[in-house]
Amino acid sequence: VGNHVEVFTSENLPACLSNKANFQISPEGTE
């Protein structure tokens, strides 16, 4: 979206995406 990339996890779709607790986003937000 624009200049950003959103990451959707269980927080957004709990029935079909992986648990948000398993994701660690870098401080820069690029990985």
PDB file of all heavy atoms in Angstrom:
ATOM      1  N   VAL A   1       0.863  -1.182   0.000  1.00  0.00           N
ATOM      2  CA  VAL A   1       0.000   0.000   0.000  1.00  0.00           C
ATOM      3  C   VAL A   1       0.896   1.228   0.000  1.00  0.00           C
ATOM      4  O   VAL A   1       1.592   1.492   0.982  1.00  0.00           O
ATOM      5  CB  VAL A   1      -0.916   0.018   1.248  1.00  0.00           C
ATOM      6  CG1 VAL A   1      -1.809   1.244   1.240  1.00  0.00           C
ATOM      7  CG2 VAL A   1      -1.747  -1.245   1.333  1.00  0.00           C
ATOM      8  N   GLY A   2       0.895   1.970  -1.100  1.00  0.00           N
ATOM      9  CA  GLY A   2       1.759   3.158  -1.189  1.00  0.00           C
ATOM     10  C   GLY A   2       3.215   2.780  -1.061  1.00  0.00           C
ATOM     11  O   GLY A   2       3.711   1.926  -1.789  1.00  0.00           O
ATOM     12  N   ASN A   3       3.908   3.388  -0.107  1.00  0.00           N
ATOM     13  CA  ASN A   3       5.328   3.103   0.127  1.00  0.00           C
ATOM     14  C   ASN A   3       5.541   2.083   1.234  1.00  0.00           C
ATOM     15  O   ASN A   3       6.653   1.926   1.726  1.00  0.00           O
ATOM     16  CB  ASN A   3       6.083   4.391   0.486  1.00  0.00           C
ATOM     17  CG  ASN A   3       6.173   5.336  -0.682  1.00  0.00           C
ATOM     18  OD1 ASN A   3       6.181   4.908  -1.831  1.00  0.00           O
ATOM     19  ND2 ASN A   3       6.218   6.626  -0.402  1.00  0.00           N
ATOM     20  N   HIS A   4       4.480   1.391   1.663  1.00  0.00           N
ATOM     21  CA  HIS A   4       4.564   0.455   2.777  1.00  0.00           C
ATOM     22  C   HIS A   4       4.089  -0.931   2.360  1.00  0.00           C
ATOM     23  O   HIS A   4       3.338  -1.083   1.409  1.00  0.00           O
ATOM     24  CB  HIS A   4       3.702   0.944   3.949  1.00  0.00           C
ATOM     25  CG  HIS A   4       4.137   2.254   4.493  1.00  0.00           C
ATOM     26  ND1 HIS A   4       3.770   3.452   3.926  1.00  0.00           N
ATOM     27  CD2 HIS A   4       4.915   2.560   5.551  1.00  0.00           C
ATOM     28  CE1 HIS A   4       4.306   4.444   4.617  1.00  0.00           C
ATOM     29  NE2 HIS A   4       5.007   3.925   5.606  1.00  0.00           N
ATOM     30  N   VAL A   5       4.531  -1.913   3.117  1.00  0.00           N
ATOM     31  CA  VAL A   5       4.030  -3.277   2.958  1.00  0.00           C
ATOM     32  C   VAL A   5       3.480  -3.706   4.313  1.00  0.00           C
ATOM     33  O   VAL A   5       4.194  -3.685   5.316  1.00  0.00           O
ATOM     34  CB  VAL A   5       5.134  -4.251   2.502  1.00  0.00           C
ATOM     35  CG1 VAL A   5       4.609  -5.682   2.459  1.00  0.00           C
ATOM     36  CG2 VAL A   5       5.665  -3.846   1.134  1.00  0.00           C
ATOM     37  N   GLU A   6       2.204  -4.058   4.324  1.00  0.00           N
ATOM     38  CA  GLU A   6       1.569  -4.523   5.551  1.00  0.00           C
ATOM     39  C   GLU A   6       1.712  -6.034   5.632  1.00  0.00           C
ATOM     40  O   GLU A   6       1.632  -6.727   4.617  1.00  0.00           O
ATOM     41  CB  GLU A   6       0.090  -4.154   5.548  1.00  0.00           C
ATOM     42  CG  GLU A   6      -0.151  -2.660   5.503  1.00  0.00           C
ATOM     43  CD  GLU A   6      -1.623  -2.318   5.344  1.00  0.00           C
ATOM     44  OE1 GLU A   6      -2.372  -3.117   4.740  1.00  0.00           O
ATOM     45  OE2 GLU A   6      -2.023  -1.252   5.833  1.00  0.00           O
ATOM     46  N   VAL A   7       1.925  -6.555   6.849  1.00  0.00           N
ATOM     47  CA  VAL A   7       2.006  -7.991   7.082  1.00  0.00           C
ATOM     48  C   VAL A   7       0.774  -8.386   7.884  1.00  0.00           C
ATOM     49  O   VAL A   7       0.537  -7.865   8.975  1.00  0.00           O
ATOM     50  CB  VAL A   7       3.278  -8.375   7.871  1.00  0.00           C
ATOM     51  CG1 VAL A   7       3.326  -9.881   8.119  1.00  0.00           C
ATOM     52  CG2 VAL A   7       4.526  -7.901   7.145  1.00  0.00           C
ATOM     53  N   PHE A   8      -0.028  -9.288   7.315  1.00  0.00           N
ATOM     54  CA  PHE A   8      -1.224  -9.769   7.989  1.00  0.00           C
ATOM     55  C   PHE A   8      -0.934 -11.138   8.599  1.00  0.00           C
ATOM     56  O   PHE A   8      -0.351 -12.006   7.942  1.00  0.00           O
ATOM     57  CB  PHE A   8      -2.400  -9.877   7.010  1.00  0.00           C
ATOM     58  CG  PHE A   8      -2.890  -8.535   6.541  1.00  0.00           C
ATOM     59  CD1 PHE A   8      -2.304  -7.897   5.454  1.00  0.00           C
ATOM     60  CD2 PHE A   8      -3.932  -7.902   7.190  1.00  0.00           C
ATOM     61  CE1 PHE A   8      -2.746  -6.667   5.017  1.00  0.00           C
ATOM     62  CE2 PHE A   8      -4.390  -6.669   6.770  1.00  0.00           C
ATOM     63  CZ  PHE A   8      -3.788  -6.037   5.678  1.00  0.00           C
ATOM     64  N   THR A   9      -1.345 -11.310   9.856  1.00  0.00           N
ATOM     65  CA  THR A   9      -1.102 -12.541  10.617  1.00  0.00           C
ATOM     66  C   THR A   9      -2.414 -12.968  11.272  1.00  0.00           C
ATOM     67  O   THR A   9      -3.479 -12.490  10.895  1.00  0.00           O
ATOM     68  CB  THR A   9      -0.041 -12.287  11.699  1.00  0.00           C
ATOM     69  OG1 THR A   9      -0.575 -11.352  12.649  1.00  0.00           O
ATOM     70  CG2 THR A   9       1.259 -11.754  11.119  1.00  0.00           C
ATOM     71  N   SER A  10      -2.316 -13.794  12.290  1.00  0.00           N
ATOM     72  CA  SER A  10      -3.505 -14.238  13.031  1.00  0.00           C
ATOM     73  C   SER A  10      -4.244 -13.065  13.657  1.00  0.00           C
ATOM     74  O   SER A  10      -5.429 -13.160  13.937  1.00  0.00           O
ATOM     75  CB  SER A  10      -3.103 -15.228  14.120  1.00  0.00           C
ATOM     76  OG  SER A  10      -2.295 -14.592  15.092  1.00  0.00           O
ATOM     77  N   GLU A  11      -3.554 -11.963  13.880  1.00  0.00           N
ATOM     78  CA  GLU A  11      -4.212 -10.784  14.437  1.00  0.00           C
ATOM     79  C   GLU A  11      -5.316 -10.287  13.495  1.00  0.00           C
ATOM     80  O   GLU A  11      -6.329  -9.768  13.945  1.00  0.00           O
ATOM     81  CB  GLU A  11      -3.185  -9.682  14.679  1.00  0.00           C
ATOM     82  CG  GLU A  11      -3.776  -8.432  15.298  1.00  0.00           C
ATOM     83  CD  GLU A  11      -2.716  -7.402  15.601  1.00  0.00           C
ATOM     84  OE1 GLU A  11      -2.045  -6.925  14.666  1.00  0.00           O
ATOM     85  OE2 GLU A  11      -2.569  -7.079  16.782  1.00  0.00           O
ATOM     86  N   ASN A  12      -5.103 -10.473  12.193  1.00  0.00           N
ATOM     87  CA  ASN A  12      -6.071 -10.023  11.200  1.00  0.00           C
ATOM     88  C   ASN A  12      -7.056 -11.105  10.800  1.00  0.00           C
ATOM     89  O   ASN A  12      -8.241 -10.844  10.651  1.00  0.00           O
ATOM     90  CB  ASN A  12      -5.328  -9.516   9.956  1.00  0.00           C
ATOM     91  CG  ASN A  12      -4.242  -8.538  10.303  1.00  0.00           C
ATOM     92  OD1 ASN A  12      -3.087  -8.924  10.424  1.00  0.00           O
ATOM     93  ND2 ASN A  12      -4.594  -7.289  10.521  1.00  0.00           N
ATOM     94  N   LEU A  13      -6.560 -12.316  10.586  1.00  0.00           N
ATOM     95  CA  LEU A  13      -7.389 -13.448  10.163  1.00  0.00           C
ATOM     96  C   LEU A  13      -7.010 -14.667  10.994  1.00  0.00           C
ATOM     97  O   LEU A  13      -6.250 -15.526  10.555  1.00  0.00           O
ATOM     98  CB  LEU A  13      -7.186 -13.735   8.671  1.00  0.00           C
ATOM     99  CG  LEU A  13      -7.569 -12.606   7.707  1.00  0.00           C
ATOM    100  CD1 LEU A  13      -7.017 -12.875   6.315  1.00  0.00           C
ATOM    101  CD2 LEU A  13      -9.074 -12.442   7.659  1.00  0.00           C
ATOM    102  N   PRO A  14      -7.526 -14.781  12.208  1.00  0.00           N
ATOM    103  CA  PRO A  14      -7.082 -15.836  13.123  1.00  0.00           C
ATOM    104  C   PRO A  14      -7.357 -17.258  12.648  1.00  0.00           C
ATOM    105  O   PRO A  14      -6.643 -18.178  13.026  1.00  0.00           O
ATOM    106  CB  PRO A  14      -7.832 -15.548  14.426  1.00  0.00           C
ATOM    107  CG  PRO A  14      -8.857 -14.539  14.096  1.00  0.00           C
ATOM    108  CD  PRO A  14      -8.499 -13.894  12.807  1.00  0.00           C
ATOM    109  N   ALA A  15      -8.334 -17.453  11.804  1.00  0.00           N
ATOM    110  CA  ALA A  15      -8.684 -18.818  11.380  1.00  0.00           C
ATOM    111  C   ALA A  15      -7.727 -19.379  10.329  1.00  0.00           C
ATOM    112  O   ALA A  15      -7.626 -20.599  10.193  1.00  0.00           O
ATOM    113  CB  ALA A  15     -10.108 -18.846  10.839  1.00  0.00           C
ATOM    114  N   CYS A  16      -7.025 -18.499   9.591  1.00  0.00           N
ATOM    115  CA  CYS A  16      -6.242 -19.055   8.482  1.00  0.00           C
ATOM    116  C   CYS A  16      -4.806 -18.549   8.379  1.00  0.00           C
ATOM    117  O   CYS A  16      -4.079 -18.987   7.490  1.00  0.00           O
ATOM    118  CB  CYS A  16      -6.974 -18.827   7.167  1.00  0.00           C
ATOM    119  SG  CYS A  16      -7.278 -17.105   6.777  1.00  0.00           S
ATOM    120  N   LEU A  17      -4.363 -17.660   9.263  1.00  0.00           N
ATOM    121  CA  LEU A  17      -2.985 -17.178   9.195  1.00  0.00           C
ATOM    122  C   LEU A  17      -2.242 -17.535  10.479  1.00  0.00           C
ATOM    123  O   LEU A  17      -2.842 -17.788  11.518  1.00  0.00           O
ATOM    124  CB  LEU A  17      -2.953 -15.665   8.968  1.00  0.00           C
ATOM    125  CG  LEU A  17      -3.570 -15.190   7.654  1.00  0.00           C
ATOM    126  CD1 LEU A  17      -3.506 -13.670   7.567  1.00  0.00           C
ATOM    127  CD2 LEU A  17      -2.894 -15.820   6.459  1.00  0.00           C
ATOM    128  N   SER A  18      -0.920 -17.542  10.396  1.00  0.00           N
ATOM    129  CA  SER A  18      -0.083 -17.960  11.519  1.00  0.00           C
ATOM    130  C   SER A  18      -0.136 -16.972  12.681  1.00  0.00           C
ATOM    131  O   SER A  18      -0.407 -15.783  12.508  1.00  0.00           O
ATOM    132  CB  SER A  18       1.356 -18.132  11.058  1.00  0.00           C
ATOM    133  OG  SER A  18       1.432 -19.231  10.180  1.00  0.00           O
ATOM    134  N   ASN A  19       0.186 -17.515  13.855  1.00  0.00           N
ATOM    135  CA  ASN A  19       0.129 -16.768  15.108  1.00  0.00           C
ATOM    136  C   ASN A  19       1.056 -15.557  15.072  1.00  0.00           C
ATOM    137  O   ASN A  19       2.246 -15.678  14.779  1.00  0.00           O
ATOM    138  CB  ASN A  19       0.524 -17.703  16.249  1.00  0.00           C
ATOM    139  CG  ASN A  19       0.283 -17.104  17.599  1.00  0.00           C
ATOM    140  OD1 ASN A  19       0.280 -15.893  17.777  1.00  0.00           O
ATOM    141  ND2 ASN A  19       0.094 -17.970  18.577  1.00  0.00           N
ATOM    142  N   LYS A  20       0.518 -14.401  15.419  1.00  0.00           N
ATOM    143  CA  LYS A  20       1.292 -13.165  15.423  1.00  0.00           C
ATOM    144  C   LYS A  20       2.532 -13.269  16.303  1.00  0.00           C
ATOM    145  O   LYS A  20       3.568 -12.674  16.012  1.00  0.00           O
ATOM    146  CB  LYS A  20       0.417 -12.006  15.890  1.00  0.00           C
ATOM    147  CG  LYS A  20       1.145 -10.700  15.923  1.00  0.00           C
ATOM    148  CD  LYS A  20       0.319  -9.592  16.504  1.00  0.00           C
ATOM    149  CE  LYS A  20       1.173  -8.338  16.545  1.00  0.00           C
ATOM    150  NZ  LYS A  20       0.599  -7.307  17.347  1.00  0.00           N
ATOM    151  N   ALA A  21       2.461 -14.048  17.386  1.00  0.00           N
ATOM    152  CA  ALA A  21       3.596 -14.194  18.312  1.00  0.00           C
ATOM    153  C   ALA A  21       4.819 -14.821  17.644  1.00  0.00           C
ATOM    154  O   ALA A  21       5.933 -14.681  18.138  1.00  0.00           O
ATOM    155  CB  ALA A  21       3.179 -15.036  19.516  1.00  0.00           C
ATOM    156  N   ASN A  22       4.643 -15.483  16.501  1.00  0.00           N
ATOM    157  CA  ASN A  22       5.757 -16.130  15.801  1.00  0.00           C
ATOM    158  C   ASN A  22       6.513 -15.187  14.863  1.00  0.00           C
ATOM    159  O   ASN A  22       7.491 -15.588  14.248  1.00  0.00           O
ATOM    160  CB  ASN A  22       5.253 -17.333  15.000  1.00  0.00           C
ATOM    161  CG  ASN A  22       4.704 -18.414  15.890  1.00  0.00           C
ATOM    162  OD1 ASN A  22       5.054 -18.515  17.052  1.00  0.00           O
ATOM    163  ND2 ASN A  22       3.837 -19.239  15.344  1.00  0.00           N
ATOM    164  N   PHE A  23       6.057 -13.945  14.736  1.00  0.00           N
ATOM    165  CA  PHE A  23       6.665 -12.971  13.837  1.00  0.00           C
ATOM    166  C   PHE A  23       7.414 -11.917  14.640  1.00  0.00           C
ATOM    167  O   PHE A  23       6.883 -11.359  15.588  1.00  0.00           O
ATOM    168  CB  PHE A  23       5.590 -12.263  13.000  1.00  0.00           C
ATOM    169  CG  PHE A  23       4.862 -13.154  12.035  1.00  0.00           C
ATOM    170  CD1 PHE A  23       3.773 -13.901  12.451  1.00  0.00           C
ATOM    171  CD2 PHE A  23       5.256 -13.233  10.715  1.00  0.00           C
ATOM    172  CE1 PHE A  23       3.089 -14.719  11.568  1.00  0.00           C
ATOM    173  CE2 PHE A  23       4.577 -14.048   9.825  1.00  0.00           C
ATOM    174  CZ  PHE A  23       3.496 -14.785  10.251  1.00  0.00           C
ATOM    175  N   GLN A  24       8.657 -11.648  14.247  1.00  0.00           N
ATOM    176  CA  GLN A  24       9.432 -10.565  14.844  1.00  0.00           C
ATOM    177  C   GLN A  24       9.855  -9.640  13.702  1.00  0.00           C
ATOM    178  O   GLN A  24      10.699 -10.014  12.876  1.00  0.00           O
ATOM    179  CB  GLN A  24      10.674 -11.074  15.569  1.00  0.00           C
ATOM    180  CG  GLN A  24      10.368 -11.926  16.793  1.00  0.00           C
ATOM    181  CD  GLN A  24      10.144 -13.387  16.453  1.00  0.00           C
ATOM    182  OE1 GLN A  24      10.829 -13.952  15.615  1.00  0.00           O
ATOM    183  NE2 GLN A  24       9.159 -14.006  17.081  1.00  0.00           N
ATOM    184  N   ILE A  25       9.268  -8.437  13.677  1.00  0.00           N
ATOM    185  CA  ILE A  25       9.558  -7.470  12.618  1.00  0.00           C
ATOM    186  C   ILE A  25      10.740  -6.617  13.045  1.00  0.00           C
ATOM    187  O   ILE A  25      10.824  -6.175  14.196  1.00  0.00           O
ATOM    188  CB  ILE A  25       8.323  -6.614  12.305  1.00  0.00           C
ATOM    189  CG1 ILE A  25       7.207  -7.524  11.783  1.00  0.00           C
ATOM    190  CG2 ILE A  25       8.651  -5.513  11.300  1.00  0.00           C
ATOM    191  CD1 ILE A  25       5.904  -6.843  11.474  1.00  0.00           C
ATOM    192  N   SER A  26      11.658  -6.367  12.103  1.00  0.00           N
ATOM    193  CA  SER A  26      12.857  -5.578  12.411  1.00  0.00           C
ATOM    194  C   SER A  26      12.464  -4.130  12.718  1.00  0.00           C
ATOM    195  O   SER A  26      11.424  -3.645  12.271  1.00  0.00           O
ATOM    196  CB  SER A  26      13.824  -5.600  11.225  1.00  0.00           C
ATOM    197  OG  SER A  26      13.308  -4.819  10.154  1.00  0.00           O
ATOM    198  N   PRO A  27      13.304  -3.420  13.481  1.00  0.00           N
ATOM    199  CA  PRO A  27      13.006  -2.011  13.795  1.00  0.00           C
ATOM    200  C   PRO A  27      12.856  -1.142  12.540  1.00  0.00           C
ATOM    201  O   PRO A  27      12.078  -0.204  12.527  1.00  0.00           O
ATOM    202  CB  PRO A  27      14.214  -1.561  14.629  1.00  0.00           C
ATOM    203  CG  PRO A  27      14.797  -2.819  15.183  1.00  0.00           C
ATOM    204  CD  PRO A  27      14.507  -3.892  14.156  1.00  0.00           C
ATOM    205  N   GLU A  28      13.583  -1.491  11.475  1.00  0.00           N
ATOM    206  CA  GLU A  28      13.495  -0.723  10.235  1.00  0.00           C
ATOM    207  C   GLU A  28      12.214  -1.031   9.461  1.00  0.00           C
ATOM    208  O   GLU A  28      11.815  -0.295   8.582  1.00  0.00           O
ATOM    209  CB  GLU A  28      14.691  -1.012   9.311  1.00  0.00           C
ATOM    210  CG  GLU A  28      16.034  -0.735   9.923  1.00  0.00           C
ATOM    211  CD  GLU A  28      16.520  -1.906  10.779  1.00  0.00           C
ATOM    212  OE1 GLU A  28      16.101  -3.064  10.562  1.00  0.00           O
ATOM    213  OE2 GLU A  28      17.314  -1.661  11.689  1.00  0.00           O
ATOM    214  N   GLY A  29      11.602  -2.172   9.781  1.00  0.00           N
ATOM    215  CA  GLY A  29      10.368  -2.567   9.108  1.00  0.00           C
ATOM    216  C   GLY A  29      10.557  -3.134   7.710  1.00  0.00           C
ATOM    217  O   GLY A  29       9.603  -3.290   6.966  1.00  0.00           O
ATOM    218  N   THR A  30      11.791  -3.485   7.346  1.00  0.00           N
ATOM    219  CA  THR A  30      12.054  -4.002   6.002  1.00  0.00           C
ATOM    220  C   THR A  30      12.257  -5.504   5.972  1.00  0.00           C
ATOM    221  O   THR A  30      12.469  -6.077   4.902  1.00  0.00           O
ATOM    222  CB  THR A  30      13.309  -3.336   5.401  1.00  0.00           C
ATOM    223  OG1 THR A  30      14.403  -3.570   6.288  1.00  0.00           O
ATOM    224  CG2 THR A  30      13.098  -1.847   5.205  1.00  0.00           C
ATOM    225  N   GLU A  31      12.200  -6.143   7.124  1.00  0.00           N
ATOM    226  CA  GLU A  31      12.366  -7.597   7.178  1.00  0.00           C
ATOM    227  C   GLU A  31      11.682  -8.130   8.431  1.00  0.00           C
ATOM    228  O   GLU A  31      11.393  -7.381   9.361  1.00  0.00           O
ATOM    229  CB  GLU A  31      13.832  -7.991   7.161  1.00  0.00           C
ATOM    230  CG  GLU A  31      14.625  -7.464   8.340  1.00  0.00           C
ATOM    231  CD  GLU A  31      16.107  -7.707   8.197  1.00  0.00           C
ATOM    232  OE1 GLU A  31      16.737  -7.038   7.354  1.00  0.00           O
ATOM    233  OE2 GLU A  31      16.631  -8.569   8.925  1.00  0.00           O
TER     234      GLU A  31
END
